C-alpha atoms as a PDB file:
ATOM      1  CA  MET A   1      26.223  12.463   6.763  1.00  0.00           C
ATOM      2  CA  LYS A   2      24.329   9.553   5.051  1.00  0.00           C
ATOM      3  CA  SER A   3      23.503   6.490   6.875  1.00  0.00           C
ATOM      4  CA  PRO A   4      25.191   3.213   6.234  1.00  0.00           C
ATOM      5  CA  ARG A   5      24.255   0.075   4.770  1.00  0.00           C
ATOM      6  CA  LEU A   6      25.125  -3.307   5.975  1.00  0.00           C
ATOM      7  CA  HIS A   7      25.743  -5.838   3.611  1.00  0.00           C
ATOM      8  CA  GLY A   8      23.550  -8.196   5.247  1.00  0.00           C
ATOM      9  CA  GLN A   9      21.716  -5.654   3.079  1.00  0.00           C
ATOM     10  CA  ARG A  10      23.061  -3.650   0.282  1.00  0.00           C
ATOM     11  CA  VAL A  11      19.436  -3.690  -0.028  1.00  0.00           C
ATOM     12  CA  ARG A  12      19.594  -5.779   2.969  1.00  0.00           C
ATOM     13  CA  GLU A  13      17.665  -4.542   6.180  1.00  0.00           C
ATOM     14  CA  ASN A  14      14.334  -3.418   6.827  1.00  0.00           C
ATOM     15  CA  ASP A  15      15.546  -1.079   8.836  1.00  0.00           C
ATOM     16  CA  LEU A  16      17.934   1.157   6.843  1.00  0.00           C
ATOM     17  CA  PRO A  17      17.915   3.006   3.735  1.00  0.00           C
ATOM     18  CA  SER A  18      19.318   0.523   0.976  1.00  0.00           C
ATOM     19  CA  ARG A  19      20.991   0.370  -2.175  1.00  0.00           C
ATOM     20  CA  ALA A  20      20.811  -2.366  -4.770  1.00  0.00           C
ATOM     21  CA  ARG A  21      22.907  -5.456  -3.511  1.00  0.00           C
ATOM     22  CA  ARG A  22      22.588  -8.977  -2.920  1.00  0.00           C
ATOM     23  CA  SER A  23      20.255 -10.029   0.143  1.00  0.00           C
ATOM     24  CA  SER A  24      21.036 -12.896   2.186  1.00  0.00           C
ATOM     25  CA  PHE A  25      17.889 -12.360   4.254  1.00  0.00           C
ATOM     26  CA  ARG A  26      15.292 -10.944   1.834  1.00  0.00           C
ATOM     27  CA  ALA A  27      12.531 -12.866   3.326  1.00  0.00           C
ATOM     28  CA  THR A  28       8.875 -11.473   3.297  1.00  0.00           C
ATOM     29  CA  LEU A  29       6.445 -12.202   6.175  1.00  0.00           C
ATOM     30  CA  LEU A  30       4.612 -15.439   6.164  1.00  0.00           C
ATOM     31  CA  GLY A  31       1.068 -15.974   6.988  1.00  0.00           C
ATOM     32  CA  ALA A  32      -0.649 -17.418  10.030  1.00  0.00           C
ATOM     33  CA  ALA A  33      -1.135 -20.728   8.536  1.00  0.00           C
ATOM     34  CA  LEU A  34       2.553 -21.295   8.267  1.00  0.00           C
ATOM     35  CA  ALA A  35       3.426 -19.914  11.442  1.00  0.00           C
ATOM     36  CA  LEU A  36       0.750 -22.439  12.865  1.00  0.00           C
ATOM     37  CA  VAL A  37       2.486 -25.147  11.228  1.00  0.00           C
ATOM     38  CA  ALA A  38       5.901 -24.213  12.342  1.00  0.00           C
ATOM     39  CA  VAL A  39       4.609 -24.152  16.062  1.00  0.00           C
ATOM     40  CA  ALA A  40       3.016 -27.536  15.558  1.00  0.00           C
ATOM     41  CA  MET A  41       6.116 -28.991  14.217  1.00  0.00           C
ATOM     42  CA  THR A  42       8.421 -27.846  17.178  1.00  0.00           C
ATOM     43  CA  ALA A  43       5.880 -27.902  19.956  1.00  0.00           C
ATOM     44  CA  CYS A  44       7.693 -30.759  21.778  1.00  0.00           C
ATOM     45  CA  THR A  45      10.991 -28.761  21.845  1.00  0.00           C
ATOM     46  CA  SER A  46      12.243 -27.511  25.127  1.00  0.00           C
ATOM     47  CA  HIS A  47      13.524 -23.878  25.432  1.00  0.00           C
ATOM     48  CA  ALA A  48      14.387 -23.979  28.953  1.00  0.00           C
ATOM     49  CA  GLY A  49      17.367 -21.193  29.116  1.00  0.00           C
ATOM     50  CA  ALA A  50      17.202 -20.924  25.278  1.00  0.00           C
ATOM     51  CA  ALA A  51      15.785 -18.481  22.832  1.00  0.00           C
ATOM     52  CA  ALA A  52      15.829 -21.361  20.087  1.00  0.00           C
ATOM     53  CA  GLN A  53      17.118 -24.487  19.137  1.00  0.00           C
ATOM     54  CA  VAL A  54      18.620 -25.735  15.784  1.00  0.00           C
ATOM     55  CA  ASP A  55      18.841 -29.373  15.606  1.00  0.00           C
ATOM     56  CA  ASP A  56      20.219 -30.187  18.872  1.00  0.00           C
ATOM     57  CA  GLN A  57      22.383 -26.910  19.527  1.00  0.00           C
ATOM     58  CA  LYS A  58      20.675 -24.300  21.768  1.00  0.00           C
ATOM     59  CA  ILE A  59      21.022 -20.423  21.507  1.00  0.00           C
ATOM     60  CA  GLU A  60      20.747 -19.137  24.913  1.00  0.00           C
ATOM     61  CA  THR A  61      18.489 -16.338  25.807  1.00  0.00           C
ATOM     62  CA  ALA A  62      21.326 -14.431  27.694  1.00  0.00           C
ATOM     63  CA  THR A  63      23.481 -14.707  24.434  1.00  0.00           C
ATOM     64  CA  VAL A  64      20.717 -12.869  22.484  1.00  0.00           C
ATOM     65  CA  SER A  65      19.813 -10.419  25.070  1.00  0.00           C
ATOM     66  CA  ALA A  66      23.698  -9.419  25.368  1.00  0.00           C
ATOM     67  CA  ILE A  67      23.933  -8.697  21.878  1.00  0.00           C
ATOM     68  CA  ALA A  68      20.679  -6.607  22.093  1.00  0.00           C
ATOM     69  CA  ASP A  69      21.916  -4.757  24.973  1.00  0.00           C
ATOM     70  CA  ARG A  70      25.128  -3.741  23.074  1.00  0.00           C
ATOM     71  CA  GLY A  71      23.409  -3.045  20.178  1.00  0.00           C
ATOM     72  CA  MET A  72      20.873  -0.561  21.662  1.00  0.00           C
ATOM     73  CA  ALA A  73      24.038   1.058  23.495  1.00  0.00           C
ATOM     74  CA  ALA A  74      25.673   1.647  20.063  1.00  0.00           C
ATOM     75  CA  TYR A  75      22.305   2.859  18.591  1.00  0.00           C
ATOM     76  CA  LYS A  76      22.198   5.570  21.508  1.00  0.00           C
ATOM     77  CA  ALA A  77      25.691   6.638  21.138  1.00  0.00           C
ATOM     78  CA  TYR A  78      25.199   6.942  17.495  1.00  0.00           C
ATOM     79  CA  ALA A  79      21.894   8.862  17.776  1.00  0.00           C
ATOM     80  CA  ALA A  80      23.826  11.380  20.154  1.00  0.00           C
ATOM     81  CA  ALA A  81      26.636  11.841  17.710  1.00  0.00           C
ATOM     82  CA  HIS A  82      24.478  12.128  14.407  1.00  0.00           C
ATOM     83  CA  PRO A  83      21.044  13.074  15.587  1.00  0.00           C
ATOM     84  CA  ASP A  84      19.928  14.201  12.054  1.00  0.00           C
ATOM     85  CA  VAL A  85      20.798  10.962  10.467  1.00  0.00           C
ATOM     86  CA  VAL A  86      18.786   8.779  13.140  1.00  0.00           C
ATOM     87  CA  ALA A  87      16.012  11.421  12.714  1.00  0.00           C
ATOM     88  CA  GLN A  88      15.842  10.897   9.095  1.00  0.00           C
ATOM     89  CA  ARG A  89      15.823   7.323   9.482  1.00  0.00           C
ATOM     90  CA  GLU A  90      13.426   6.861  12.179  1.00  0.00           C
ATOM     91  CA  ALA A  91      10.936   9.456   9.945  1.00  0.00           C
ATOM     92  CA  GLN A  92      11.290   6.687   7.182  1.00  0.00           C
ATOM     93  CA  GLN A  93      11.375   3.328   9.035  1.00  0.00           C
ATOM     94  CA  GLY A  94      10.427   3.867  12.656  1.00  0.00           C
ATOM     95  CA  PRO A  95      12.614   3.634  15.609  1.00  0.00           C
ATOM     96  CA  VAL A  96      15.278   0.835  16.516  1.00  0.00           C
ATOM     97  CA  THR A  97      13.925  -0.824  19.676  1.00  0.00           C
ATOM     98  CA  HIS A  98      15.538  -3.598  21.819  1.00  0.00           C
ATOM     99  CA  TYR A  99      12.844  -6.178  20.686  1.00  0.00           C
ATOM    100  CA  LEU A 100      13.696  -5.540  17.265  1.00  0.00           C
ATOM    101  CA  VAL A 101      17.434  -5.825  17.784  1.00  0.00           C
ATOM    102  CA  GLN A 102      16.832  -9.043  19.992  1.00  0.00           C
ATOM    103  CA  ARG A 103      14.968 -10.483  17.175  1.00  0.00           C
ATOM    104  CA  ARG A 104      17.266  -9.725  14.672  1.00  0.00           C
ATOM    105  CA  ALA A 105      20.032 -11.228  16.613  1.00  0.00           C
ATOM    106  CA  LEU A 106      18.057 -14.328  17.089  1.00  0.00           C
ATOM    107  CA  ASN A 107      17.683 -14.577  13.379  1.00  0.00           C
ATOM    108  CA  THR A 108      21.201 -13.845  12.584  1.00  0.00           C
ATOM    109  CA  LEU A 109      22.575 -16.834  15.059  1.00  0.00           C
ATOM    110  CA  ILE A 110      19.933 -19.219  13.568  1.00  0.00           C
ATOM    111  CA  ARG A 111      20.927 -18.529  10.053  1.00  0.00           C
ATOM    112  CA  LEU A 112      24.538 -18.780  11.001  1.00  0.00           C
ATOM    113  CA  ARG A 113      23.872 -22.322  11.974  1.00  0.00           C
ATOM    114  CA  LEU A 114      21.926 -23.344   8.943  1.00  0.00           C
ATOM    115  CA  ASP A 115      24.896 -21.799   6.889  1.00  0.00           C
ATOM    116  CA  GLU A 116      27.589 -23.855   8.582  1.00  0.00           C
ATOM    117  CA  ALA A 117      25.412 -26.985   8.133  1.00  0.00           C
ATOM    118  CA  LYS A 118      25.168 -26.312   4.505  1.00  0.00           C
ATOM    119  CA  ALA A 119      28.695 -25.513   4.345  1.00  0.00           C
ATOM    120  CA  HIS A 120      29.980 -28.543   6.047  1.00  0.00           C
ATOM    121  CA  GLU A 121      27.528 -30.620   3.683  1.00  0.00           C
ATOM    122  CA  LEU A 122      29.230 -29.038   0.594  1.00  0.00           C
ATOM    123  CA  GLY A 123      32.725 -29.373   2.173  1.00  0.00           C
ATOM    124  CA  ILE A 124      33.390 -25.527   2.412  1.00  0.00           C
ATOM    125  CA  THR A 125      35.591 -23.757   4.729  1.00  0.00           C
ATOM    126  CA  LEU A 126      35.513 -20.087   5.553  1.00  0.00           C
ATOM    127  CA  THR A 127      39.080 -19.449   7.102  1.00  0.00           C
ATOM    128  CA  SER A 128      40.074 -16.293   9.003  1.00  0.00           C
ATOM    129  CA  GLN A 129      41.640 -14.945   5.839  1.00  0.00           C
ATOM    130  CA  ASP A 130      38.512 -15.547   3.815  1.00  0.00           C
ATOM    131  CA  PHE A 131      36.481 -13.895   6.338  1.00  0.00           C
ATOM    132  CA  ASP A 132      38.815 -10.618   7.035  1.00  0.00           C
ATOM    133  CA  ALA A 133      38.801 -10.220   3.090  1.00  0.00           C
ATOM    134  CA  TYR A 134      34.948 -10.304   2.831  1.00  0.00           C
ATOM    135  CA  TYR A 135      34.820  -8.052   5.928  1.00  0.00           C
ATOM    136  CA  GLN A 136      37.268  -5.460   4.428  1.00  0.00           C
ATOM    137  CA  ALA A 137      35.417  -5.494   0.963  1.00  0.00           C
ATOM    138  CA  LEU A 138      32.075  -5.293   2.465  1.00  0.00           C
ATOM    139  CA  ALA A 139      33.354  -2.452   4.735  1.00  0.00           C
ATOM    140  CA  VAL A 140      34.768  -0.520   1.733  1.00  0.00           C
ATOM    141  CA  THR A 141      31.769  -0.864  -0.488  1.00  0.00           C
ATOM    142  CA  GLN A 142      29.328  -0.002   2.262  1.00  0.00           C
ATOM    143  CA  ALA A 143      31.169   3.082   4.113  1.00  0.00           C
ATOM    144  CA  GLY A 144      34.197   3.599   2.331  1.00  0.00           C
ATOM    145  CA  GLY A 145      36.399   1.571   4.971  1.00  0.00           C
ATOM    146  CA  ILE A 146      36.286  -0.364   8.157  1.00  0.00           C
ATOM    147  CA  PRO A 147      36.458   2.382  10.732  1.00  0.00           C
ATOM    148  CA  ALA A 148      33.579   4.274   9.174  1.00  0.00           C
ATOM    149  CA  PHE A 149      31.759   0.971   8.609  1.00  0.00           C
ATOM    150  CA  GLU A 150      31.828   0.097  12.485  1.00  0.00           C
ATOM    151  CA  ASP A 151      30.812   3.421  13.474  1.00  0.00           C
ATOM    152  CA  ALA A 152      27.791   3.578  10.758  1.00  0.00           C
ATOM    153  CA  VAL A 153      26.373   0.361  11.973  1.00  0.00           C
ATOM    154  CA  GLY A 154      25.328   1.936  15.059  1.00  0.00           C
ATOM    155  CA  VAL A 155      22.484   3.331  13.325  1.00  0.00           C
ATOM    156  CA  LEU A 156      21.056  -0.268  12.708  1.00  0.00           C
ATOM    157  CA  GLY A 157      21.713  -1.140  16.318  1.00  0.00           C
ATOM    158  CA  PHE A 158      24.831  -3.151  15.816  1.00  0.00           C
ATOM    159  CA  ALA A 159      27.566  -3.183  18.063  1.00  0.00           C
ATOM    160  CA  PRO A 160      30.916  -3.354  16.223  1.00  0.00           C
ATOM    161  CA  GLN A 161      31.719  -6.824  17.717  1.00  0.00           C
ATOM    162  CA  ASP A 162      28.445  -8.332  16.820  1.00  0.00           C
ATOM    163  CA  VAL A 163      28.056  -6.998  13.352  1.00  0.00           C
ATOM    164  CA  ARG A 164      30.879  -9.602  12.738  1.00  0.00           C
ATOM    165  CA  ALA A 165      28.259 -12.508  13.043  1.00  0.00           C
ATOM    166  CA  GLN A 166      26.123 -10.908  10.390  1.00  0.00           C
ATOM    167  CA  VAL A 167      29.066 -10.417   7.927  1.00  0.00           C
ATOM    168  CA  HIS A 168      29.997 -14.191   8.934  1.00  0.00           C
ATOM    169  CA  VAL A 169      26.728 -15.193   7.541  1.00  0.00           C
ATOM    170  CA  ASP A 170      27.066 -13.177   4.485  1.00  0.00           C
ATOM    171  CA  ALA A 171      30.463 -14.461   3.914  1.00  0.00           C
ATOM    172  CA  LEU A 172      29.419 -17.974   4.175  1.00  0.00           C
ATOM    173  CA  GLU A 173      26.548 -17.561   1.984  1.00  0.00           C
ATOM    174  CA  SER A 174      28.728 -16.104  -0.565  1.00  0.00           C
ATOM    175  CA  LYS A 175      31.108 -19.195  -0.663  1.00  0.00           C
ATOM    176  CA  ILE A 176      27.924 -21.475  -0.759  1.00  0.00           C
ATOM    177  CA  ALA A 177      26.975 -19.469  -3.820  1.00  0.00           C
ATOM    178  CA  ASP A 178      30.291 -19.902  -5.366  1.00  0.00           C
ATOM    179  CA  ARG A 179      29.645 -23.492  -5.154  1.00  0.00           C
ATOM    180  CA  ILE A 180      26.159 -23.917  -6.262  1.00  0.00           C
ATOM    181  CA  ALA A 181      26.212 -21.309  -8.723  1.00  0.00           C
ATOM    182  CA  PRO A 182      29.438 -20.667 -10.192  1.00  0.00           C
ATOM    183  CA  ASP A 183      28.202 -19.119 -13.161  1.00  0.00           C
ATOM    184  CA  LEU A 184      26.642 -16.343 -11.415  1.00  0.00           C
ATOM    185  CA  VAL A 185      29.231 -13.607 -12.050  1.00  0.00           C
ATOM    186  CA  GLY A 186      28.885 -10.151 -13.423  1.00  0.00           C
ATOM    187  CA  SER A 187      31.304  -9.037 -16.163  1.00  0.00           C
ATOM    188  CA  ASP A 188      34.676  -6.993 -15.829  1.00  0.00           C
ATOM    189  CA  ALA A 189      32.639  -4.089 -17.115  1.00  0.00           C
ATOM    190  CA  GLN A 190      29.864  -4.282 -14.822  1.00  0.00           C
ATOM    191  CA  ALA A 191      32.390  -4.648 -11.930  1.00  0.00           C
ATOM    192  CA  LYS A 192      34.182  -1.651 -12.969  1.00  0.00           C
ATOM    193  CA  SER A 193      31.187   0.260 -13.289  1.00  0.00           C
ATOM    194  CA  ALA A 194      30.143  -0.589  -9.724  1.00  0.00           C
ATOM    195  CA  TYR A 195      33.611   0.473  -8.691  1.00  0.00           C
ATOM    196  CA  ASP A 196      33.193   3.838 -10.412  1.00  0.00           C
ATOM    197  CA  ALA A 197      29.804   4.057  -8.851  1.00  0.00           C
ATOM    198  CA  LEU A 198      31.308   3.947  -5.286  1.00  0.00           C
ATOM    199  CA  LEU A 199      34.054   6.480  -6.030  1.00  0.00           C
ATOM    200  CA  ALA A 200      31.389   8.784  -7.059  1.00  0.00           C
ATOM    201  CA  GLN A 201      29.123   7.925  -4.053  1.00  0.00           C
ATOM    202  CA  PHE A 202      31.804   8.550  -1.581  1.00  0.00           C
ATOM    203  CA  GLY A 203      33.203  11.660  -3.648  1.00  0.00           C
ATOM    204  CA  VAL A 204      36.809  10.155  -3.726  1.00  0.00           C
ATOM    205  CA  LYS A 205      39.400   9.476  -6.137  1.00  0.00           C
ATOM    206  CA  SER A 206      40.377   6.100  -4.573  1.00  0.00           C
ATOM    207  CA  LEU A 207      39.360   3.708  -1.878  1.00  0.00           C
ATOM    208  CA  PRO A 208      41.264   1.761   0.651  1.00  0.00           C
ATOM    209  CA  LEU A 209      41.071  -1.319  -1.889  1.00  0.00           C
ATOM    210  CA  SER A 210      41.784  -1.080  -5.541  1.00  0.00           C
ATOM    211  CA  TYR A 211      39.500  -1.986  -8.310  1.00  0.00           C
ATOM    212  CA  ALA A 212      41.587  -5.142  -8.712  1.00  0.00           C
ATOM    213  CA  GLN A 213      41.347  -5.983  -5.087  1.00  0.00           C
ATOM    214  CA  LEU A 214      37.425  -5.397  -5.059  1.00  0.00           C
ATOM    215  CA  ARG A 215      36.724  -6.789  -8.449  1.00  0.00           C
ATOM    216  CA  SER A 216      35.496 -10.063  -7.251  1.00  0.00           C
ATOM    217  CA  PHE A 217      33.487  -8.901  -4.465  1.00  0.00           C
ATOM    218  CA  LEU A 218      31.888  -6.521  -6.955  1.00  0.00           C
ATOM    219  CA  ALA A 219      31.392  -9.130  -9.795  1.00  0.00           C
ATOM    220  CA  HIS A 220      29.828 -11.713  -7.260  1.00  0.00           C
ATOM    221  CA  ASP A 221      28.365  -9.819  -4.215  1.00  0.00           C
ATOM    222  CA  ILE A 222      27.284  -6.715  -5.847  1.00  0.00           C
ATOM    223  CA  VAL A 223      26.444  -6.963  -9.613  1.00  0.00           C
ATOM    224  CA  MET A 224      25.145 -10.617  -9.086  1.00  0.00           C
ATOM    225  CA  GLY A 225      24.034 -10.601  -5.368  1.00  0.00           C
ATOM    226  CA  THR A 226      20.309 -10.917  -5.470  1.00  0.00           C
ATOM    227  CA  ALA A 227      20.576 -13.948  -8.257  1.00  0.00           C
ATOM    228  CA  ARG A 228      23.058 -15.647  -6.285  1.00  0.00           C
ATOM    229  CA  THR A 229      20.771 -15.223  -3.011  1.00  0.00           C
ATOM    230  CA  ASP A 230      17.977 -16.605  -4.944  1.00  0.00           C
ATOM    231  CA  LYS A 231      19.988 -19.722  -5.409  1.00  0.00           C
ATOM    232  CA  VAL A 232      21.120 -20.165  -1.950  1.00  0.00           C
ATOM    233  CA  THR A 233      17.792 -19.561  -0.186  1.00  0.00           C
ATOM    234  CA  PRO A 234      16.165 -22.615  -1.238  1.00  0.00           C
ATOM    235  CA  GLU A 235      19.128 -24.786   0.004  1.00  0.00           C
ATOM    236  CA  LEU A 236      18.943 -23.295   3.263  1.00  0.00           C
ATOM    237  CA  VAL A 237      15.332 -23.826   3.597  1.00  0.00           C
ATOM    238  CA  LYS A 238      15.799 -27.699   2.773  1.00  0.00           C
ATOM    239  CA  VAL A 239      18.517 -27.473   5.723  1.00  0.00           C
ATOM    240  CA  SER A 240      16.159 -25.745   8.120  1.00  0.00           C
ATOM    241  CA  ARG A 241      13.473 -28.621   7.385  1.00  0.00           C
ATOM    242  CA  GLN A 242      16.118 -31.410   7.800  1.00  0.00           C
ATOM    243  CA  LEU A 243      17.459 -30.134  11.040  1.00  0.00           C
ATOM    244  CA  GLY A 244      14.585 -28.548  12.722  1.00  0.00           C
ATOM    245  CA  VAL A 245      14.390 -25.032  14.144  1.00  0.00           C
ATOM    246  CA  SER A 246      12.295 -24.034  17.081  1.00  0.00           C
ATOM    247  CA  VAL A 247      11.868 -20.618  18.881  1.00  0.00           C
ATOM    248  CA  SER A 248      10.793 -19.879  22.238  1.00  0.00           C
ATOM    249  CA  PRO A 249       7.257 -18.476  22.081  1.00  0.00           C
ATOM    250  CA  ARG A 250       8.522 -15.643  23.917  1.00  0.00           C
ATOM    251  CA  PHE A 251      10.473 -14.517  20.818  1.00  0.00           C
ATOM    252  CA  GLY A 252       8.129 -15.434  18.270  1.00  0.00           C
ATOM    253  CA  THR A 253       7.637 -18.366  15.895  1.00  0.00           C
ATOM    254  CA  TRP A 254       9.996 -19.651  13.112  1.00  0.00           C
ATOM    255  CA  SER A 255       8.992 -19.549   9.277  1.00  0.00           C
ATOM    256  CA  VAL A 256      10.745 -22.164   7.581  1.00  0.00           C
ATOM    257  CA  ASP A 257      10.120 -20.989   4.129  1.00  0.00           C
ATOM    258  CA  ASP A 258      11.130 -17.471   5.108  1.00  0.00           C
ATOM    259  CA  LEU A 259      14.078 -18.270   7.071  1.00  0.00           C
ATOM    260  CA  GLN A 260      12.603 -15.732   9.771  1.00  0.00           C
ATOM    261  CA  VAL A 261      11.373 -15.427  13.075  1.00  0.00           C
ATOM    262  CA  LEU A 262       7.782 -14.310  12.827  1.00  0.00           C
ATOM    263  CA  ALA A 263       5.957 -12.203  15.367  1.00  0.00           C
ATOM    264  CA  GLN A 264       3.474 -14.392  17.693  1.00  0.00           C
ATOM    265  CA  SER A 265       0.409 -12.920  19.155  1.00  0.00           C
ATOM    266  CA  GLY A 266       0.878 -12.495  22.809  1.00  0.00           C
ATOM    267  CA  SER A 267       4.607 -12.505  22.802  1.00  0.00           C
ATOM    268  CA  ILE A 268       7.304  -9.806  23.120  1.00  0.00           C
ATOM    269  CA  ALA A 269       7.852  -9.973  19.428  1.00  0.00           C
ATOM    270  CA  THR A 270       5.089  -7.074  18.684  1.00  0.00           C
ATOM    271  CA  THR A 271       6.461  -6.412  15.081  1.00  0.00           C
ATOM    272  CA  PRO A 272       7.883  -8.295  12.127  1.00  0.00           C
ATOM    273  CA  THR A 273      11.355  -9.745  12.403  1.00  0.00           C
ATOM    274  CA  PRO A 274      13.704  -7.551  10.515  1.00  0.00           C
ATOM    275  CA  VAL A 275      15.542  -9.057   7.572  1.00  0.00           C
ATOM    276  CA  PRO A 276      18.990  -9.479   9.559  1.00  0.00           C
ATOM    277  CA  GLN A 277      21.150  -7.741   7.179  1.00  0.00           C
ATOM    278  CA  LEU A 278      23.151  -4.702   6.949  1.00  0.00           C
ATOM    279  CA  SER A 279      22.637  -1.785   4.704  1.00  0.00           C
ATOM    280  CA  LEU A 280      24.387   1.471   5.495  1.00  0.00           C
ATOM    281  CA  SER A 281      23.175   3.672   2.606  1.00  0.00           C
END
């Protein structure tokens, strides 16, 4: 059984094997100079009881810890059921740890608030129907269907209920890309090629969604995913600067330009924050 890929990573997560796709969180680590600047800019923010603060909204430590606890439980359950898949992934990228899952969760929650602010600025609304359609399309392209997808994300340390927050980030950023880069759409031929590649990848003659149902998702988020992300990221960097993001030193420090929580010497963040994306391949 091959390991999964959650959008958020189609080539999306430093933790998983990945396949070419748009990466909402393709940030690389920033140097110490920028980390110091971020600390200086947010030094006066209080983190009492909070893991981070975006503008005047706090992200509670308890919320982040609960997500990490559920993620580790899902990872252990997946490892027990699929030891060979987990062993291969760990050999390639190291083990999934509580600290890693915790930082990724914090990154996702911060990113979600930035996305929501940008969506509000642009007058964009993500309805429940929009989200459900995106979630199903992502699940089908990543793992062949929702049940397989929600099982597979365990290898990344995602509990099924918490992976939805990451997918919400991806869905919002896809709508933002539609607004600011409407011309970045793959051709029908490219979308059909991507669909045929999925059939071959999963070894099936059909998928739960037809080509007609997946065509828009394929043309936007798979064929042109990286180019669309390149347009969205600078806009989110502007939002991050405007609102201000402060992270408790216990978790690390926020890099505005990379839209990531970076490890801080002496904190529990002993390794770089993983790109909070899903990539199940």
